[in-house]
């Protein structure tokens, strides 16, 4: 699918700059690939401190030594790539794809369904998690479910089905997630990395409080001002209580990023 001797000049487009997409972008960037991230105009990212998507709001972000910046046009994008900076572009519909012609595309939008990604989008197309079928709409799928197969490269078939249940952390699943109590505008009242107690108000939607169900460290929280729907995930409390974990790429994201790297190297030899 590609010349293995040209790997370091490959352009990889990652659609979705949340924590898993960022873990993938980080590993590929360190391996020498040219990496570009595309996002929504208002990313619904929870783990903002470890998400390149945050550059859409803040203009730039540095995560474990790698910088990402918002690029407003093709000239800025090209200049950032030359500087070794990860460009982040607002391109929800993938209009840049035919113009840039990336050698590889990674769909990291985590929608649990295929939003239109196709085998013909690029020489190498990889989907993260459920919603994709290797050999049908992507060339490879990388498993995102915690457990024995996390990060596994699937060349035929699909990832594990979405259970709609958050992965367990110290036996806490749904309890560690913060949910919108109603539809409306979101506003945080605590900060990522802050220690919180069970029952503490950490945010609000309109005038209704969002309370932590367990004690721990606030690991993620939506950007202020976003309009949310009732029952939407708006934050995440980590019961392990390690503040550093809020500002570094997770073990899950690193494993998935490693799977994507393996998939690209494998597919380049086919």
C-alpha atoms as a PDB file:
ATOM      1  CA  UNK A   1       0.000   0.000   0.000  1.00  0.00           C
ATOM      2  CA  UNK A   2       2.955   2.330   0.522  1.00  0.00           C
ATOM      3  CA  UNK A   3       6.711   2.380   0.194  1.00  0.00           C
ATOM      4  CA  UNK A   4       8.148   1.346   3.598  1.00  0.00           C
ATOM      5  CA  UNK A   5      11.224   3.479   2.889  1.00  0.00           C
ATOM      6  CA  UNK A   6       9.057   6.609   2.727  1.00  0.00           C
ATOM      7  CA  UNK A   7       7.487   6.207   6.169  1.00  0.00           C
ATOM      8  CA  UNK A   8       8.970   9.350   7.666  1.00  0.00           C
ATOM      9  CA  UNK A   9       7.452  11.488   4.920  1.00  0.00           C
ATOM     10  CA  UNK A  10       3.994   9.958   5.321  1.00  0.00           C
ATOM     11  CA  UNK A  11       1.134  12.279   6.221  1.00  0.00           C
ATOM     12  CA  UNK A  12      -1.299  10.698   8.672  1.00  0.00           C
ATOM     13  CA  UNK A  13      -4.639  12.414   9.225  1.00  0.00           C
ATOM     14  CA  UNK A  14      -6.286  11.628  12.548  1.00  0.00           C
ATOM     15  CA  UNK A  15      -9.957  12.482  12.595  1.00  0.00           C
ATOM     16  CA  UNK A  16     -10.683  13.292  16.238  1.00  0.00           C
ATOM     17  CA  UNK A  17      -8.295  14.882  18.707  1.00  0.00           C
ATOM     18  CA  UNK A  18      -9.673  13.518  21.973  1.00  0.00           C
ATOM     19  CA  UNK A  19      -7.530  11.580  24.439  1.00  0.00           C
ATOM     20  CA  UNK A  20      -7.376   8.402  22.329  1.00  0.00           C
ATOM     21  CA  UNK A  21      -6.745  10.264  19.080  1.00  0.00           C
ATOM     22  CA  UNK A  22      -4.089  12.316  20.841  1.00  0.00           C
ATOM     23  CA  UNK A  23      -2.365   9.237  22.254  1.00  0.00           C
ATOM     24  CA  UNK A  24      -2.245   7.918  18.710  1.00  0.00           C
ATOM     25  CA  UNK A  25      -0.987  11.216  17.267  1.00  0.00           C
ATOM     26  CA  UNK A  26       1.691  11.434  19.957  1.00  0.00           C
ATOM     27  CA  UNK A  27       3.092   7.967  19.238  1.00  0.00           C
ATOM     28  CA  UNK A  28       3.067   8.472  15.475  1.00  0.00           C
ATOM     29  CA  UNK A  29       4.715  11.888  15.770  1.00  0.00           C
ATOM     30  CA  UNK A  30       7.490  10.475  17.945  1.00  0.00           C
ATOM     31  CA  UNK A  31       7.975   7.686  15.390  1.00  0.00           C
ATOM     32  CA  UNK A  32       8.659  10.299  12.706  1.00  0.00           C
ATOM     33  CA  UNK A  33       5.350  10.547  10.865  1.00  0.00           C
ATOM     34  CA  UNK A  34       3.819  13.848   9.783  1.00  0.00           C
ATOM     35  CA  UNK A  35       0.616  14.024  11.816  1.00  0.00           C
ATOM     36  CA  UNK A  36      -2.429  16.215  11.276  1.00  0.00           C
ATOM     37  CA  UNK A  37      -5.534  16.290  13.499  1.00  0.00           C
ATOM     38  CA  UNK A  38      -9.003  17.357  12.355  1.00  0.00           C
ATOM     39  CA  UNK A  39     -11.790  18.334  14.719  1.00  0.00           C
ATOM     40  CA  UNK A  40     -15.245  19.840  15.154  1.00  0.00           C
ATOM     41  CA  UNK A  41     -15.737  23.612  15.511  1.00  0.00           C
ATOM     42  CA  UNK A  42     -16.601  22.954  19.190  1.00  0.00           C
ATOM     43  CA  UNK A  43     -14.961  19.672  20.239  1.00  0.00           C
ATOM     44  CA  UNK A  44     -16.849  17.772  22.947  1.00  0.00           C
ATOM     45  CA  UNK A  45     -13.615  16.610  24.506  1.00  0.00           C
ATOM     46  CA  UNK A  46     -13.595  15.615  28.199  1.00  0.00           C
ATOM     47  CA  UNK A  47      -9.905  15.027  28.941  1.00  0.00           C
ATOM     48  CA  UNK A  48      -8.944  18.483  27.680  1.00  0.00           C
ATOM     49  CA  UNK A  49      -5.473  18.585  29.262  1.00  0.00           C
ATOM     50  CA  UNK A  50      -4.329  15.599  27.176  1.00  0.00           C
ATOM     51  CA  UNK A  51      -6.260  16.321  23.977  1.00  0.00           C
ATOM     52  CA  UNK A  52      -4.877  18.080  20.913  1.00  0.00           C
ATOM     53  CA  UNK A  53      -8.498  19.089  20.249  1.00  0.00           C
ATOM     54  CA  UNK A  54      -8.022  21.745  22.941  1.00  0.00           C
ATOM     55  CA  UNK A  55      -6.016  23.748  20.404  1.00  0.00           C
ATOM     56  CA  UNK A  56      -9.342  24.623  18.751  1.00  0.00           C
ATOM     57  CA  UNK A  57     -10.255  26.577  21.901  1.00  0.00           C
ATOM     58  CA  UNK A  58      -6.853  27.760  23.101  1.00  0.00           C
ATOM     59  CA  UNK A  59      -4.841  28.106  19.896  1.00  0.00           C
ATOM     60  CA  UNK A  60      -2.125  25.695  21.056  1.00  0.00           C
ATOM     61  CA  UNK A  61      -1.428  22.947  23.563  1.00  0.00           C
ATOM     62  CA  UNK A  62       1.706  21.037  24.538  1.00  0.00           C
ATOM     63  CA  UNK A  63       1.287  17.440  25.690  1.00  0.00           C
ATOM     64  CA  UNK A  64       4.311  15.518  26.939  1.00  0.00           C
ATOM     65  CA  UNK A  65       6.692  17.648  24.909  1.00  0.00           C
ATOM     66  CA  UNK A  66       4.775  17.675  21.632  1.00  0.00           C
ATOM     67  CA  UNK A  67       3.060  20.887  20.560  1.00  0.00           C
ATOM     68  CA  UNK A  68      -0.160  21.188  18.580  1.00  0.00           C
ATOM     69  CA  UNK A  69      -1.478  24.438  17.114  1.00  0.00           C
ATOM     70  CA  UNK A  70      -4.655  25.480  15.386  1.00  0.00           C
ATOM     71  CA  UNK A  71      -4.094  25.990  11.641  1.00  0.00           C
ATOM     72  CA  UNK A  72      -6.530  28.323   9.909  1.00  0.00           C
ATOM     73  CA  UNK A  73      -5.439  27.700   6.316  1.00  0.00           C
ATOM     74  CA  UNK A  74      -3.292  25.453   4.143  1.00  0.00           C
ATOM     75  CA  UNK A  75      -0.267  27.740   4.423  1.00  0.00           C
ATOM     76  CA  UNK A  76      -0.301  27.631   8.237  1.00  0.00           C
ATOM     77  CA  UNK A  77      -0.810  23.869   8.113  1.00  0.00           C
ATOM     78  CA  UNK A  78       2.216  23.351   5.873  1.00  0.00           C
ATOM     79  CA  UNK A  79       4.421  25.636   7.966  1.00  0.00           C
ATOM     80  CA  UNK A  80       3.503  23.841  11.187  1.00  0.00           C
ATOM     81  CA  UNK A  81       4.332  20.453   9.678  1.00  0.00           C
ATOM     82  CA  UNK A  82       7.738  21.781   8.602  1.00  0.00           C
ATOM     83  CA  UNK A  83       8.373  22.948  12.182  1.00  0.00           C
ATOM     84  CA  UNK A  84       7.513  19.566  13.657  1.00  0.00           C
ATOM     85  CA  UNK A  85       4.308  20.893  15.207  1.00  0.00           C
ATOM     86  CA  UNK A  86       1.026  18.979  14.971  1.00  0.00           C
ATOM     87  CA  UNK A  87      -1.513  21.084  13.052  1.00  0.00           C
ATOM     88  CA  UNK A  88      -5.112  20.961  14.271  1.00  0.00           C
ATOM     89  CA  UNK A  89      -7.732  21.940  11.713  1.00  0.00           C
ATOM     90  CA  UNK A  90     -11.477  22.431  11.946  1.00  0.00           C
ATOM     91  CA  UNK A  91     -12.783  20.080   9.262  1.00  0.00           C
ATOM     92  CA  UNK A  92     -15.814  18.111  10.470  1.00  0.00           C
ATOM     93  CA  UNK A  93     -16.818  16.972   6.985  1.00  0.00           C
ATOM     94  CA  UNK A  94     -13.402  15.836   5.790  1.00  0.00           C
ATOM     95  CA  UNK A  95     -13.215  18.380   2.986  1.00  0.00           C
ATOM     96  CA  UNK A  96      -9.420  18.539   3.342  1.00  0.00           C
ATOM     97  CA  UNK A  97      -8.955  14.846   2.549  1.00  0.00           C
ATOM     98  CA  UNK A  98      -9.053  15.016  -1.281  1.00  0.00           C
ATOM     99  CA  UNK A  99      -6.882  18.132  -1.243  1.00  0.00           C
ATOM    100  CA  UNK A 100      -4.189  16.845   1.121  1.00  0.00           C
ATOM    101  CA  UNK A 101      -4.270  13.211  -0.044  1.00  0.00           C
ATOM    102  CA  UNK A 102      -2.889  11.745   3.222  1.00  0.00           C
ATOM    103  CA  UNK A 103      -1.219   8.356   2.982  1.00  0.00           C
ATOM    104  CA  UNK A 104      -3.119   7.184   6.057  1.00  0.00           C
ATOM    105  CA  UNK A 105      -6.324   8.172   7.845  1.00  0.00           C
ATOM    106  CA  UNK A 106      -7.210   7.155  11.397  1.00  0.00           C
ATOM    107  CA  UNK A 107     -10.849   7.594  12.416  1.00  0.00           C
ATOM    108  CA  UNK A 108     -10.549   8.348  16.139  1.00  0.00           C
ATOM    109  CA  UNK A 109     -13.883  10.119  16.553  1.00  0.00           C
ATOM    110  CA  UNK A 110     -15.157   7.347  18.858  1.00  0.00           C
ATOM    111  CA  UNK A 111     -18.730   7.650  17.633  1.00  0.00           C
ATOM    112  CA  UNK A 112     -19.279   3.882  18.084  1.00  0.00           C
ATOM    113  CA  UNK A 113     -20.503   3.860  14.488  1.00  0.00           C
ATOM    114  CA  UNK A 114     -19.057   4.686  11.103  1.00  0.00           C
ATOM    115  CA  UNK A 115     -19.710   8.329  10.221  1.00  0.00           C
ATOM    116  CA  UNK A 116     -18.788   7.855   6.577  1.00  0.00           C
ATOM    117  CA  UNK A 117     -15.195   6.585   6.564  1.00  0.00           C
ATOM    118  CA  UNK A 118     -14.426   4.403   3.538  1.00  0.00           C
ATOM    119  CA  UNK A 119     -11.612   2.201   2.234  1.00  0.00           C
ATOM    120  CA  UNK A 120     -11.157   4.581  -0.658  1.00  0.00           C
ATOM    121  CA  UNK A 121     -10.387   7.610   1.554  1.00  0.00           C
ATOM    122  CA  UNK A 122      -6.641   6.851   1.612  1.00  0.00           C
ATOM    123  CA  UNK A 123      -4.148   4.057   0.860  1.00  0.00           C
ATOM    124  CA  UNK A 124      -4.362   3.095   4.556  1.00  0.00           C
ATOM    125  CA  UNK A 125      -7.563   3.604   6.563  1.00  0.00           C
ATOM    126  CA  UNK A 126      -7.793   2.590  10.234  1.00  0.00           C
ATOM    127  CA  UNK A 127     -10.782   2.747  12.575  1.00  0.00           C
ATOM    128  CA  UNK A 128     -10.626   2.843  16.368  1.00  0.00           C
ATOM    129  CA  UNK A 129     -13.113   0.719  18.246  1.00  0.00           C
ATOM    130  CA  UNK A 130     -16.623  -0.440  17.351  1.00  0.00           C
ATOM    131  CA  UNK A 131     -18.445   0.716  14.240  1.00  0.00           C
ATOM    132  CA  UNK A 132     -15.879  -0.405  11.664  1.00  0.00           C
ATOM    133  CA  UNK A 133     -15.275  -3.681   9.842  1.00  0.00           C
ATOM    134  CA  UNK A 134     -11.755  -4.438   8.632  1.00  0.00           C
ATOM    135  CA  UNK A 135     -11.795  -5.361   4.969  1.00  0.00           C
ATOM    136  CA  UNK A 136     -15.130  -3.684   4.436  1.00  0.00           C
ATOM    137  CA  UNK A 137     -14.923   0.024   5.322  1.00  0.00           C
ATOM    138  CA  UNK A 138     -11.383   0.209   6.758  1.00  0.00           C
ATOM    139  CA  UNK A 139      -8.165  -1.738   6.232  1.00  0.00           C
ATOM    140  CA  UNK A 140      -7.693  -2.356   9.957  1.00  0.00           C
ATOM    141  CA  UNK A 141      -9.502  -1.848  13.249  1.00  0.00           C
ATOM    142  CA  UNK A 142      -7.751  -1.280  16.575  1.00  0.00           C
ATOM    143  CA  UNK A 143      -9.463  -2.637  19.675  1.00  0.00           C
ATOM    144  CA  UNK A 144     -10.342   0.047  22.247  1.00  0.00           C
ATOM    145  CA  UNK A 145     -12.102  -2.043  24.919  1.00  0.00           C
ATOM    146  CA  UNK A 146     -10.125  -2.465  28.121  1.00  0.00           C
ATOM    147  CA  UNK A 147      -8.941  -5.994  28.719  1.00  0.00           C
ATOM    148  CA  UNK A 148      -6.804  -8.662  27.111  1.00  0.00           C
ATOM    149  CA  UNK A 149      -7.235  -7.392  23.538  1.00  0.00           C
ATOM    150  CA  UNK A 150      -6.742  -3.655  24.131  1.00  0.00           C
ATOM    151  CA  UNK A 151      -4.664  -2.256  21.256  1.00  0.00           C
ATOM    152  CA  UNK A 152      -4.972  -5.394  19.149  1.00  0.00           C
ATOM    153  CA  UNK A 153      -4.872  -4.897  15.368  1.00  0.00           C
ATOM    154  CA  UNK A 154      -7.847  -6.532  13.650  1.00  0.00           C
ATOM    155  CA  UNK A 155      -7.406  -7.197   9.927  1.00  0.00           C
ATOM    156  CA  UNK A 156     -10.644  -9.126   9.428  1.00  0.00           C
ATOM    157  CA  UNK A 157     -13.808  -8.306  11.334  1.00  0.00           C
ATOM    158  CA  UNK A 158     -14.731  -5.781  14.001  1.00  0.00           C
ATOM    159  CA  UNK A 159     -13.832  -4.649  17.494  1.00  0.00           C
ATOM    160  CA  UNK A 160     -15.876  -5.634  20.531  1.00  0.00           C
ATOM    161  CA  UNK A 161     -19.382  -4.167  20.527  1.00  0.00           C
ATOM    162  CA  UNK A 162     -20.037  -1.081  22.635  1.00  0.00           C
ATOM    163  CA  UNK A 163     -21.474  -2.105  26.023  1.00  0.00           C
ATOM    164  CA  UNK A 164     -22.561   1.460  26.916  1.00  0.00           C
ATOM    165  CA  UNK A 165     -20.888   0.847  30.300  1.00  0.00           C
ATOM    166  CA  UNK A 166     -17.752   2.869  31.198  1.00  0.00           C
ATOM    167  CA  UNK A 167     -14.660   0.782  31.837  1.00  0.00           C
ATOM    168  CA  UNK A 168     -13.966  -0.080  35.458  1.00  0.00           C
ATOM    169  CA  UNK A 169     -11.342   1.848  37.407  1.00  0.00           C
ATOM    170  CA  UNK A 170     -10.900   0.462  40.937  1.00  0.00           C
ATOM    171  CA  UNK A 171     -14.325  -1.229  40.546  1.00  0.00           C
ATOM    172  CA  UNK A 172     -16.013   2.069  39.624  1.00  0.00           C
ATOM    173  CA  UNK A 173     -17.690   2.288  36.225  1.00  0.00           C
ATOM    174  CA  UNK A 174     -20.684   4.517  35.662  1.00  0.00           C
ATOM    175  CA  UNK A 175     -20.154   6.122  39.085  1.00  0.00           C
ATOM    176  CA  UNK A 176     -16.931   7.816  38.021  1.00  0.00           C
ATOM    177  CA  UNK A 177     -18.583   9.600  35.091  1.00  0.00           C
ATOM    178  CA  UNK A 178     -20.288  12.978  35.408  1.00  0.00           C
ATOM    179  CA  UNK A 179     -23.569  13.263  33.504  1.00  0.00           C
ATOM    180  CA  UNK A 180     -25.590  16.314  32.460  1.00  0.00           C
ATOM    181  CA  UNK A 181     -28.729  16.502  34.661  1.00  0.00           C
ATOM    182  CA  UNK A 182     -30.643  18.366  31.956  1.00  0.00           C
ATOM    183  CA  UNK A 183     -30.249  19.972  28.559  1.00  0.00           C
ATOM    184  CA  UNK A 184     -28.626  23.398  28.551  1.00  0.00           C
ATOM    185  CA  UNK A 185     -25.368  25.320  28.748  1.00  0.00           C
ATOM    186  CA  UNK A 186     -22.461  23.754  30.642  1.00  0.00           C
ATOM    187  CA  UNK A 187     -20.291  25.643  33.125  1.00  0.00           C
ATOM    188  CA  UNK A 188     -17.486  24.111  35.191  1.00  0.00           C
ATOM    189  CA  UNK A 189     -17.040  24.977  38.858  1.00  0.00           C
ATOM    190  CA  UNK A 190     -13.929  22.894  39.564  1.00  0.00           C
ATOM    191  CA  UNK A 191     -10.703  22.419  37.638  1.00  0.00           C
ATOM    192  CA  UNK A 192      -9.108  19.358  36.055  1.00  0.00           C
ATOM    193  CA  UNK A 193      -6.573  17.970  38.522  1.00  0.00           C
ATOM    194  CA  UNK A 194      -8.549  19.177  41.535  1.00  0.00           C
ATOM    195  CA  UNK A 195      -9.409  16.700  44.281  1.00  0.00           C
ATOM    196  CA  UNK A 196     -13.165  16.334  44.772  1.00  0.00           C
ATOM    197  CA  UNK A 197     -15.411  14.577  47.256  1.00  0.00           C
ATOM    198  CA  UNK A 198     -18.568  12.527  46.746  1.00  0.00           C
ATOM    199  CA  UNK A 199     -21.548  14.875  46.558  1.00  0.00           C
ATOM    200  CA  UNK A 200     -19.454  17.933  45.679  1.00  0.00           C
ATOM    201  CA  UNK A 201     -20.760  20.283  42.994  1.00  0.00           C
ATOM    202  CA  UNK A 202     -18.158  20.356  40.235  1.00  0.00           C
ATOM    203  CA  UNK A 203     -20.193  21.983  37.437  1.00  0.00           C
ATOM    204  CA  UNK A 204     -23.658  23.051  36.446  1.00  0.00           C
ATOM    205  CA  UNK A 205     -25.963  22.886  33.448  1.00  0.00           C
ATOM    206  CA  UNK A 206     -28.171  25.959  33.423  1.00  0.00           C
ATOM    207  CA  UNK A 207     -28.917  26.219  37.160  1.00  0.00           C
ATOM    208  CA  UNK A 208     -28.791  22.488  37.948  1.00  0.00           C
ATOM    209  CA  UNK A 209     -25.679  21.123  39.703  1.00  0.00           C
ATOM    210  CA  UNK A 210     -23.425  18.362  38.415  1.00  0.00           C
ATOM    211  CA  UNK A 211     -22.191  16.405  41.431  1.00  0.00           C
ATOM    212  CA  UNK A 212     -19.359  13.917  41.816  1.00  0.00           C
ATOM    213  CA  UNK A 213     -20.630  10.490  42.858  1.00  0.00           C
ATOM    214  CA  UNK A 214     -17.269   9.364  44.227  1.00  0.00           C
ATOM    215  CA  UNK A 215     -14.153  10.930  45.719  1.00  0.00           C
ATOM    216  CA  UNK A 216     -11.044  11.269  43.599  1.00  0.00           C
ATOM    217  CA  UNK A 217      -9.330  13.615  41.174  1.00  0.00           C
ATOM    218  CA  UNK A 218     -11.268  15.455  38.504  1.00  0.00           C
ATOM    219  CA  UNK A 219      -9.623  13.972  35.409  1.00  0.00           C
ATOM    220  CA  UNK A 220     -11.796  15.535  32.722  1.00  0.00           C
ATOM    221  CA  UNK A 221     -14.410  18.213  32.206  1.00  0.00           C
ATOM    222  CA  UNK A 222     -16.099  19.720  29.165  1.00  0.00           C
ATOM    223  CA  UNK A 223     -15.141  23.175  27.940  1.00  0.00           C
ATOM    224  CA  UNK A 224     -17.239  25.976  29.465  1.00  0.00           C
ATOM    225  CA  UNK A 225     -20.160  27.316  27.449  1.00  0.00           C
ATOM    226  CA  UNK A 226     -20.976  24.201  25.448  1.00  0.00           C
ATOM    227  CA  UNK A 227     -24.620  23.261  24.999  1.00  0.00           C
ATOM    228  CA  UNK A 228     -25.265  19.697  26.155  1.00  0.00           C
ATOM    229  CA  UNK A 229     -28.164  17.275  26.137  1.00  0.00           C
ATOM    230  CA  UNK A 230     -29.616  15.541  29.198  1.00  0.00           C
ATOM    231  CA  UNK A 231     -27.593  12.468  30.139  1.00  0.00           C
ATOM    232  CA  UNK A 232     -24.536  13.507  28.133  1.00  0.00           C
ATOM    233  CA  UNK A 233     -21.113  12.733  29.595  1.00  0.00           C
ATOM    234  CA  UNK A 234     -19.591  16.003  30.816  1.00  0.00           C
ATOM    235  CA  UNK A 235     -16.737  14.901  33.087  1.00  0.00           C
ATOM    236  CA  UNK A 236     -14.761  12.107  34.702  1.00  0.00           C
ATOM    237  CA  UNK A 237     -13.512  11.498  38.261  1.00  0.00           C
ATOM    238  CA  UNK A 238     -10.517   9.194  38.744  1.00  0.00           C
ATOM    239  CA  UNK A 239     -10.803   7.317  42.069  1.00  0.00           C
ATOM    240  CA  UNK A 240      -7.069   6.531  42.077  1.00  0.00           C
ATOM    241  CA  UNK A 241      -6.442  10.155  43.015  1.00  0.00           C
ATOM    242  CA  UNK A 242      -3.142  10.595  41.146  1.00  0.00           C
ATOM    243  CA  UNK A 243      -3.021  14.198  39.921  1.00  0.00           C
ATOM    244  CA  UNK A 244      -0.260  13.473  37.396  1.00  0.00           C
ATOM    245  CA  UNK A 245      -2.610  11.120  35.531  1.00  0.00           C
ATOM    246  CA  UNK A 246      -4.779  14.114  34.618  1.00  0.00           C
ATOM    247  CA  UNK A 247      -1.956  15.677  32.615  1.00  0.00           C
ATOM    248  CA  UNK A 248      -0.329  12.655  30.944  1.00  0.00           C
ATOM    249  CA  UNK A 249      -1.468  10.294  28.215  1.00  0.00           C
ATOM    250  CA  UNK A 250      -3.297   7.277  29.619  1.00  0.00           C
ATOM    251  CA  UNK A 251      -2.197   3.650  29.417  1.00  0.00           C
ATOM    252  CA  UNK A 252      -5.246   2.967  27.238  1.00  0.00           C
ATOM    253  CA  UNK A 253      -4.409   5.741  24.767  1.00  0.00           C
ATOM    254  CA  UNK A 254      -0.780   4.591  24.539  1.00  0.00           C
ATOM    255  CA  UNK A 255      -1.844   1.002  23.859  1.00  0.00           C
ATOM    256  CA  UNK A 256      -4.234   2.095  21.115  1.00  0.00           C
ATOM    257  CA  UNK A 257      -1.580   4.377  19.625  1.00  0.00           C
ATOM    258  CA  UNK A 258       0.805   1.434  19.542  1.00  0.00           C
ATOM    259  CA  UNK A 259      -1.817  -0.608  17.740  1.00  0.00           C
ATOM    260  CA  UNK A 260      -2.225   2.097  15.094  1.00  0.00           C
ATOM    261  CA  UNK A 261       1.543   2.290  14.613  1.00  0.00           C
ATOM    262  CA  UNK A 262       1.700  -1.489  14.189  1.00  0.00           C
ATOM    263  CA  UNK A 263      -1.204  -1.412  11.728  1.00  0.00           C
ATOM    264  CA  UNK A 264       0.436   1.241   9.547  1.00  0.00           C
ATOM    265  CA  UNK A 265       3.789  -0.563   9.483  1.00  0.00           C
ATOM    266  CA  UNK A 266       2.097  -3.862   8.668  1.00  0.00           C
ATOM    267  CA  UNK A 267      -0.139  -2.461   5.936  1.00  0.00           C
ATOM    268  CA  UNK A 268       2.806  -0.656   4.335  1.00  0.00           C
ATOM    269  CA  UNK A 269       4.378  -4.020   3.624  1.00  0.00           C
ATOM    270  CA  UNK A 270       1.330  -5.487   1.882  1.00  0.00           C
END
